[in-house]
N, C-alpha and C. Protein backbone atom coordinates (compact mmCIF):
# COMPACT_ATOMS: atom_id res chain seq x y z
N MET A 1 108.79 131.26 102.99
CA MET A 1 109.37 130.00 102.39
C MET A 1 109.01 129.44 101.03
N ARG A 2 109.73 129.20 100.38
CA ARG A 2 109.61 128.38 99.39
C ARG A 2 109.17 127.09 99.06
N LEU A 3 108.15 127.39 97.88
CA LEU A 3 107.79 125.85 97.92
C LEU A 3 108.29 124.39 97.87
N ARG A 4 109.46 124.80 97.07
CA ARG A 4 110.40 123.59 97.27
C ARG A 4 111.18 122.98 98.73
N SER A 5 111.25 123.83 99.26
CA SER A 5 111.75 123.72 100.57
C SER A 5 110.20 123.35 101.54
N SER A 6 109.19 123.29 101.66
CA SER A 6 108.11 123.02 102.15
C SER A 6 107.75 121.92 101.87
N LEU A 7 108.48 121.25 100.94
CA LEU A 7 107.78 119.75 100.10
C LEU A 7 109.20 118.57 100.92
N ARG A 8 110.15 119.04 101.40
CA ARG A 8 110.87 118.06 102.04
C ARG A 8 110.57 117.41 103.02
N PRO A 9 110.58 116.28 103.13
CA PRO A 9 110.54 115.12 104.33
C PRO A 9 109.98 115.92 105.66
N PRO A 10 110.86 116.79 106.33
CA PRO A 10 110.54 117.19 107.38
C PRO A 10 109.48 118.47 108.05
N VAL A 11 108.87 118.72 107.02
CA VAL A 11 107.74 119.50 106.54
C VAL A 11 106.88 119.02 106.24
N LEU A 12 106.81 117.91 105.19
CA LEU A 12 105.85 117.19 104.89
C LEU A 12 105.20 116.24 105.49
N VAL A 13 106.04 115.15 106.17
CA VAL A 13 105.51 113.80 106.90
C VAL A 13 104.61 114.30 108.06
N PRO A 14 105.43 115.65 108.99
CA PRO A 14 104.51 115.75 110.28
C PRO A 14 103.40 116.63 109.21
N THR A 15 103.32 117.37 108.55
CA THR A 15 102.24 118.05 107.85
C THR A 15 100.96 116.94 107.24
N VAL A 16 101.56 115.91 107.03
CA VAL A 16 100.25 114.54 106.77
C VAL A 16 99.89 114.45 107.20
N VAL A 17 100.73 113.88 108.68
CA VAL A 17 100.21 113.04 109.77
C VAL A 17 99.22 113.77 110.90
N ILE A 18 99.51 115.24 110.51
CA ILE A 18 98.67 116.01 111.33
C ILE A 18 97.07 115.99 110.35
N ALA A 19 97.40 116.05 109.32
CA ALA A 19 96.35 116.12 108.48
C ALA A 19 95.01 114.46 108.86
N VAL A 20 95.85 113.84 108.85
CA VAL A 20 95.02 112.39 109.20
C VAL A 20 95.01 112.06 110.34
N THR A 21 95.53 112.82 111.89
CA THR A 21 95.53 113.04 112.94
C THR A 21 94.47 113.38 112.95
N LEU A 22 93.83 114.93 112.60
CA LEU A 22 92.66 115.45 112.90
C LEU A 22 91.66 114.61 112.26
N GLY A 23 91.32 113.87 111.19
CA GLY A 23 90.48 113.54 110.32
C GLY A 23 90.14 112.19 112.02
N TYR A 24 91.27 111.31 112.54
CA TYR A 24 90.80 110.51 113.35
C TYR A 24 90.37 110.65 114.42
N LEU A 25 91.06 112.11 115.01
CA LEU A 25 90.24 112.42 116.52
C LEU A 25 89.19 113.20 116.19
N ALA A 26 88.60 114.04 115.22
CA ALA A 26 87.37 114.16 115.07
C ALA A 26 86.37 112.70 114.70
N THR A 27 86.74 111.45 113.99
CA THR A 27 85.94 109.98 114.02
C THR A 27 86.03 110.11 115.79
N ALA A 28 86.95 110.02 116.66
CA ALA A 28 86.74 109.59 117.91
C ALA A 28 85.96 110.05 118.41
N LEU A 29 85.92 111.61 118.60
CA LEU A 29 84.85 112.73 119.03
C LEU A 29 83.91 112.51 118.59
N TRP A 30 83.51 112.21 117.64
CA TRP A 30 82.12 112.25 116.87
C TRP A 30 81.64 110.68 117.44
N SER A 31 82.19 109.51 117.35
CA SER A 31 81.38 108.45 118.06
C SER A 31 81.20 108.72 119.23
N ALA A 32 81.68 108.87 120.33
CA ALA A 32 81.46 108.62 121.22
C ALA A 32 81.95 109.83 122.41
N PRO A 33 81.64 110.59 123.70
CA PRO A 33 82.35 111.22 124.19
C PRO A 33 83.56 110.90 125.25
N PRO A 34 84.48 111.65 125.17
CA PRO A 34 85.80 110.29 125.91
C PRO A 34 85.68 110.27 127.71
N ILE A 35 84.52 110.76 127.84
CA ILE A 35 84.33 110.94 129.26
C ILE A 35 82.70 110.58 129.64
N GLU A 36 82.07 109.37 129.71
CA GLU A 36 81.00 109.98 130.11
C GLU A 36 80.47 108.86 131.24
N ASN A 37 79.36 109.63 131.85
CA ASN A 37 79.08 108.85 133.36
C ASN A 37 80.35 108.83 134.40
N ASP A 38 80.88 109.77 134.26
CA ASP A 38 82.18 109.65 135.30
C ASP A 38 83.04 108.62 135.16
N THR A 39 82.93 107.75 133.90
CA THR A 39 83.75 106.72 133.56
C THR A 39 84.56 107.19 132.40
N ILE A 40 85.15 106.13 131.27
CA ILE A 40 86.06 106.96 130.13
C ILE A 40 85.52 105.77 129.23
N SER A 41 85.44 106.12 128.43
CA SER A 41 84.78 105.42 127.09
C SER A 41 85.40 105.26 126.04
N ALA A 42 85.31 104.44 124.84
CA ALA A 42 86.27 103.40 124.20
C ALA A 42 86.36 104.79 123.24
N SER A 43 86.42 105.57 123.00
CA SER A 43 86.89 107.14 122.27
C SER A 43 87.83 107.93 123.27
N PHE A 44 87.84 107.30 124.60
CA PHE A 44 89.11 108.13 125.53
C PHE A 44 90.40 107.96 124.72
N PHE A 45 90.87 106.10 124.92
CA PHE A 45 92.15 106.30 123.94
C PHE A 45 92.29 107.01 122.97
N PRO A 46 91.86 107.13 122.03
CA PRO A 46 92.24 108.11 120.72
C PRO A 46 92.42 109.05 120.95
N VAL A 47 91.14 109.75 121.92
CA VAL A 47 91.34 111.36 122.01
C VAL A 47 92.83 111.58 122.75
N VAL A 48 93.11 111.10 123.36
CA VAL A 48 94.50 111.00 123.87
C VAL A 48 95.86 110.74 123.19
N VAL A 49 95.73 109.33 122.47
CA VAL A 49 96.89 109.59 121.67
C VAL A 49 96.78 110.49 120.41
N SER A 50 95.35 111.07 119.86
CA SER A 50 95.80 111.86 118.52
C SER A 50 96.14 113.09 119.36
N THR A 51 95.56 113.23 120.37
CA THR A 51 96.41 115.01 121.49
C THR A 51 97.32 114.40 121.09
N VAL A 52 98.43 113.57 121.45
CA VAL A 52 99.59 113.55 121.67
C VAL A 52 100.22 113.64 120.59
N MET A 53 99.61 113.13 119.43
CA MET A 53 100.31 112.90 118.45
C MET A 53 99.89 114.12 117.73
N LEU A 54 99.53 115.21 117.82
CA LEU A 54 99.03 116.45 117.54
C LEU A 54 99.97 117.29 117.72
N VAL A 55 100.85 117.25 119.29
CA VAL A 55 101.82 117.88 120.00
C VAL A 55 102.75 117.52 119.41
N ALA A 56 103.15 116.45 119.19
CA ALA A 56 104.36 115.44 118.74
C ALA A 56 104.81 116.51 117.31
N CYS A 57 103.56 116.11 116.51
CA CYS A 57 103.78 116.40 115.08
C CYS A 57 104.00 118.21 115.16
N GLY A 58 103.28 118.89 115.80
CA GLY A 58 103.54 120.53 116.09
C GLY A 58 104.80 120.22 115.96
N PHE A 59 105.85 120.37 117.02
CA PHE A 59 106.85 120.20 116.91
C PHE A 59 107.47 119.61 116.00
N ALA A 60 107.70 118.73 115.44
CA ALA A 60 108.11 118.24 114.41
C ALA A 60 108.34 119.42 113.79
N LEU A 61 106.51 119.32 113.12
CA LEU A 61 106.47 120.77 112.29
C LEU A 61 107.45 122.13 112.14
N VAL A 62 107.51 122.37 113.64
CA VAL A 62 108.12 123.57 113.53
C VAL A 62 109.58 123.55 113.29
N GLY A 63 110.06 122.54 114.25
CA GLY A 63 111.64 122.29 113.75
C GLY A 63 112.01 122.05 112.49
N GLY A 64 110.67 121.21 111.61
CA GLY A 64 111.70 121.40 110.23
C GLY A 64 111.43 122.42 109.37
N VAL A 65 110.71 123.21 109.78
CA VAL A 65 110.81 124.86 109.37
C VAL A 65 111.73 125.24 109.51
N ARG A 66 111.88 125.52 110.85
CA ARG A 66 113.25 126.12 111.07
C ARG A 66 114.49 125.51 110.75
N GLU A 67 114.82 124.13 109.94
CA GLU A 67 115.83 123.58 109.18
C GLU A 67 116.18 124.50 108.32
N ALA A 68 117.57 125.10 107.86
CA ALA A 68 117.65 125.85 106.81
C ALA A 68 118.44 125.03 105.63
N LYS A 69 118.97 124.13 106.33
CA LYS A 69 119.61 123.22 104.70
C LYS A 69 118.71 121.91 104.23
N PRO A 70 118.93 121.54 103.45
CA PRO A 70 117.80 120.35 102.73
C PRO A 70 118.56 118.98 103.80
N GLU A 71 117.61 118.45 103.72
CA GLU A 71 117.91 117.28 104.37
C GLU A 71 118.36 116.30 102.74
N ARG A 72 119.49 115.60 103.18
CA ARG A 72 120.28 115.11 102.60
C ARG A 72 119.38 113.77 102.36
N VAL A 73 119.82 113.59 100.76
CA VAL A 73 118.91 111.75 100.21
C VAL A 73 119.33 111.02 100.95
N GLY A 74 118.59 109.88 101.13
CA GLY A 74 119.72 108.49 101.97
C GLY A 74 118.43 107.85 102.46
N PRO A 75 119.12 106.72 103.32
CA PRO A 75 118.36 106.13 103.84
C PRO A 75 117.78 106.88 105.41
N ARG A 76 118.43 107.41 105.64
CA ARG A 76 117.78 108.60 107.47
C ARG A 76 116.96 109.31 106.53
N SER A 77 116.40 109.87 105.68
CA SER A 77 115.69 110.90 105.05
C SER A 77 113.92 109.99 104.70
N MET A 78 114.26 108.46 104.80
CA MET A 78 113.09 107.46 104.69
C MET A 78 112.64 107.16 106.14
N LYS A 79 113.29 107.46 107.33
CA LYS A 79 112.79 106.98 108.45
C LYS A 79 111.44 107.93 109.00
N PRO A 80 111.16 108.58 108.99
CA PRO A 80 109.65 109.22 109.16
C PRO A 80 108.73 108.62 108.14
N VAL A 81 109.38 107.91 106.72
CA VAL A 81 107.97 107.76 106.48
C VAL A 81 107.81 106.43 106.38
N LEU A 82 109.06 105.71 107.23
CA LEU A 82 109.19 104.16 107.62
C LEU A 82 108.24 104.15 109.26
N VAL A 83 107.99 105.27 109.51
CA VAL A 83 107.29 105.24 111.55
C VAL A 83 106.09 105.62 111.06
N VAL A 84 105.39 106.30 110.13
CA VAL A 84 104.13 106.51 109.52
C VAL A 84 103.94 104.87 108.68
N LEU A 85 104.43 103.95 108.05
CA LEU A 85 103.95 103.06 107.46
C LEU A 85 103.88 101.89 108.74
N LEU A 86 104.91 102.15 109.47
CA LEU A 86 104.73 100.97 110.63
C LEU A 86 103.68 101.44 111.59
N THR A 87 103.11 102.69 111.83
CA THR A 87 102.10 102.53 112.44
C THR A 87 101.00 102.54 111.97
N GLY A 88 100.79 102.41 110.64
CA GLY A 88 99.34 102.28 110.01
C GLY A 88 99.53 101.00 109.93
N ALA A 89 100.34 100.31 109.94
CA ALA A 89 100.28 98.37 110.34
C ALA A 89 99.69 98.30 111.83
N TYR A 90 100.35 98.76 112.51
CA TYR A 90 100.39 98.95 113.61
C TYR A 90 98.72 98.90 114.03
N VAL A 91 98.54 99.67 113.33
CA VAL A 91 96.76 100.02 113.81
C VAL A 91 95.86 99.12 113.32
N ALA A 92 96.34 98.29 111.68
CA ALA A 92 95.58 97.60 110.94
C ALA A 92 95.85 96.31 111.98
N ALA A 93 96.76 96.29 112.48
CA ALA A 93 96.41 94.83 113.19
C ALA A 93 96.64 94.91 114.85
N PHE A 94 96.30 95.70 115.39
CA PHE A 94 95.70 95.87 116.63
C PHE A 94 94.43 94.82 116.79
N ASP A 95 93.71 95.06 116.31
CA ASP A 95 92.11 94.18 116.28
C ASP A 95 92.28 92.83 115.57
N THR A 96 92.87 92.65 115.06
CA THR A 96 93.15 91.61 114.27
C THR A 96 94.21 90.48 115.18
N VAL A 97 95.66 90.77 115.65
CA VAL A 97 96.57 89.50 116.22
C VAL A 97 96.44 89.95 117.69
N GLY A 98 96.10 91.41 118.34
CA GLY A 98 95.92 91.07 119.42
C GLY A 98 96.87 92.68 119.71
N TYR A 99 96.05 93.15 121.18
CA TYR A 99 97.44 94.12 121.76
C TYR A 99 98.64 93.79 121.90
N PHE A 100 98.87 92.44 122.51
CA PHE A 100 100.38 92.21 122.78
C PHE A 100 101.23 91.77 121.72
N VAL A 101 100.75 91.28 120.80
CA VAL A 101 101.41 91.12 119.52
C VAL A 101 101.72 92.20 118.68
N SER A 102 100.48 92.67 118.35
CA SER A 102 100.82 93.67 117.52
C SER A 102 101.35 95.05 117.88
N THR A 103 101.68 95.08 119.51
CA THR A 103 102.23 96.54 120.03
C THR A 103 103.55 96.08 120.72
N THR A 104 104.30 95.20 120.66
CA THR A 104 105.64 94.08 120.97
C THR A 104 105.98 94.29 119.25
N ALA A 105 105.17 94.13 118.48
CA ALA A 105 106.41 93.85 117.08
C ALA A 105 106.30 95.90 116.87
N TYR A 106 105.25 96.39 116.89
CA TYR A 106 105.38 97.78 116.88
C TYR A 106 106.48 98.34 117.56
N ALA A 107 106.45 98.16 118.76
CA ALA A 107 107.91 98.78 119.93
C ALA A 107 108.98 98.07 119.36
N LEU A 108 109.43 96.86 118.67
CA LEU A 108 110.41 96.09 117.94
C LEU A 108 110.77 97.05 116.83
N GLY A 109 109.67 97.10 115.67
CA GLY A 109 110.30 97.83 114.48
C GLY A 109 110.90 99.42 114.43
N LEU A 110 110.00 99.85 115.92
CA LEU A 110 110.47 101.55 115.90
C LEU A 110 111.32 101.08 116.45
N LEU A 111 112.32 100.32 117.36
CA LEU A 111 113.36 100.33 117.80
C LEU A 111 114.33 99.70 116.71
N PHE A 112 114.30 99.10 115.73
CA PHE A 112 114.93 99.18 114.93
C PHE A 112 115.02 100.29 113.51
N VAL A 113 113.41 100.93 113.48
CA VAL A 113 113.73 101.94 112.29
C VAL A 113 114.81 103.51 112.78
N LEU A 114 114.64 103.42 114.29
CA LEU A 114 115.17 104.62 115.21
C LEU A 114 116.39 104.31 115.52
N GLU A 115 117.02 103.22 115.02
CA GLU A 115 118.44 102.55 115.37
C GLU A 115 118.80 102.75 117.20
N CYS A 116 118.42 101.89 117.53
CA CYS A 116 118.16 102.06 119.31
C CYS A 116 119.63 102.14 119.89
N ARG A 117 119.99 102.45 120.59
CA ARG A 117 121.68 102.74 121.03
C ARG A 117 121.87 101.18 121.27
N PHE A 118 120.97 100.05 121.82
CA PHE A 118 121.33 98.86 121.66
C PHE A 118 120.99 97.56 120.62
N ARG A 119 122.13 97.20 120.61
CA ARG A 119 122.56 96.29 119.10
C ARG A 119 122.17 94.85 118.79
N ASN A 120 122.16 94.39 120.38
CA ASN A 120 121.85 93.70 120.03
C ASN A 120 120.08 92.78 120.03
N PRO A 121 119.87 92.04 119.28
CA PRO A 121 118.66 91.50 119.22
C PRO A 121 117.38 91.22 119.86
N VAL A 122 118.32 90.16 120.83
CA VAL A 122 117.71 89.66 121.79
C VAL A 122 117.27 90.75 122.71
N LEU A 123 118.18 91.54 123.30
CA LEU A 123 117.97 93.11 124.06
C LEU A 123 116.73 93.59 123.50
N ARG A 124 116.49 93.88 122.20
CA ARG A 124 115.76 94.80 121.51
C ARG A 124 114.10 94.06 121.95
N MET A 125 114.02 92.73 121.79
CA MET A 125 112.66 92.34 121.78
C MET A 125 112.67 92.26 123.62
N VAL A 126 113.51 91.93 124.56
CA VAL A 126 113.01 92.16 125.99
C VAL A 126 112.58 93.57 126.28
N ILE A 127 113.45 94.88 125.23
CA ILE A 127 112.71 96.20 125.65
C ILE A 127 111.42 96.08 124.80
N ALA A 128 111.35 95.65 123.62
CA ALA A 128 109.77 95.55 123.01
C ALA A 128 108.69 94.86 124.02
N VAL A 129 108.87 94.05 124.28
CA VAL A 129 108.26 93.08 125.60
C VAL A 129 107.73 94.10 126.56
N ALA A 130 108.89 94.21 127.24
CA ALA A 130 108.22 95.92 128.61
C ALA A 130 108.06 96.40 127.84
N ILE A 131 108.18 97.24 126.91
CA ILE A 131 107.13 98.52 126.42
C ILE A 131 105.68 97.81 126.38
N ALA A 132 105.40 96.81 125.99
CA ALA A 132 104.15 96.15 125.71
C ALA A 132 103.32 95.74 126.98
N ILE A 133 104.20 95.31 128.06
CA ILE A 133 103.72 95.31 129.09
C ILE A 133 103.14 96.60 129.60
N ALA A 134 104.27 97.30 130.11
CA ALA A 134 103.91 98.61 130.73
C ALA A 134 102.85 99.28 130.27
N PHE A 135 102.49 99.38 128.62
CA PHE A 135 101.72 99.82 128.18
C PHE A 135 99.94 99.31 128.52
N TYR A 136 100.38 97.67 128.68
CA TYR A 136 98.97 97.09 128.95
C TYR A 136 98.43 97.73 130.95
N LEU A 137 99.58 97.36 131.09
CA LEU A 137 99.33 97.63 132.87
C LEU A 137 98.84 99.10 132.77
N PHE A 138 99.22 100.28 132.04
CA PHE A 138 98.59 101.17 131.84
C PHE A 138 97.22 101.46 131.98
N TYR A 139 96.95 100.68 130.84
CA TYR A 139 95.78 100.84 130.09
C TYR A 139 94.55 100.47 130.19
N ALA A 140 95.03 98.36 130.77
CA ALA A 140 94.22 97.52 131.26
C ALA A 140 94.04 97.87 132.31
N GLU A 141 94.65 97.76 133.64
CA GLU A 141 94.80 97.69 134.96
C GLU A 141 94.72 99.08 135.50
N LEU A 142 95.13 100.36 134.91
CA LEU A 142 94.77 101.74 135.89
C LEU A 142 93.88 101.80 135.07
N PHE A 143 92.98 101.90 133.62
CA PHE A 143 92.03 102.65 133.19
C PHE A 143 90.99 101.34 133.12
N ARG A 144 91.04 100.19 133.60
CA ARG A 144 90.29 99.00 133.36
C ARG A 144 89.59 99.38 131.30
N LEU A 145 90.40 99.66 130.57
CA LEU A 145 90.27 99.30 129.11
C LEU A 145 90.06 97.98 129.05
N ARG A 146 89.70 97.02 128.02
CA ARG A 146 89.73 95.75 127.49
C ARG A 146 90.32 96.25 126.42
N LEU A 147 91.64 95.69 126.80
CA LEU A 147 92.38 94.96 124.88
C LEU A 147 91.94 94.38 124.35
N PRO A 148 92.25 93.86 123.11
CA PRO A 148 91.71 92.82 122.26
C PRO A 148 93.08 91.94 122.71
N THR A 149 92.24 90.60 122.53
CA THR A 149 93.55 89.50 122.32
C THR A 149 93.58 88.73 121.11
N LEU A 150 94.76 87.91 120.85
CA LEU A 150 94.97 87.12 119.90
C LEU A 150 93.82 86.20 120.20
N GLY A 151 93.74 85.74 121.15
CA GLY A 151 92.88 84.13 121.34
C GLY A 151 91.27 84.46 120.85
N GLU A 152 90.86 85.86 120.87
CA GLU A 152 89.22 86.41 120.43
C GLU A 152 89.38 85.80 119.46
N PHE A 153 90.19 85.75 118.07
CA PHE A 153 90.02 85.59 117.04
C PHE A 153 90.26 84.08 116.23
N LEU A 154 90.90 83.44 117.52
CA LEU A 154 91.34 82.30 116.86
C LEU A 154 90.02 81.19 116.67
């Protein structure tokens, strides 16, 4: 593989995200074990998310390396960068504005960036709220994780 082809977004973006995710995973594992005394700790969620992200980026990296033709320049080539920026904003906003607001905004942003097949903005908002509620039920109710709320910071 030539250096020029390895600098294309389908290869470069997953590589950078993998490097950042490995640092995030190392920090999560260093802070506390994910499971302690038969219960999950604060590092459980970051470890799970990092592991899923590493697997997904691995598939994206393999797909980018296998891609024979260079990606055309245009708005579509910016999607991976926009997803990374959106994810960074989500992580930064999570503690400040709380779980529900940040997760709903993140899901809505992903629906727009990834060009969800539903064009109606109200329907997209309903889908984003449903995603936030589903993940809340999964983490807060099933795993009993305390998620930040907007009211804690007002």
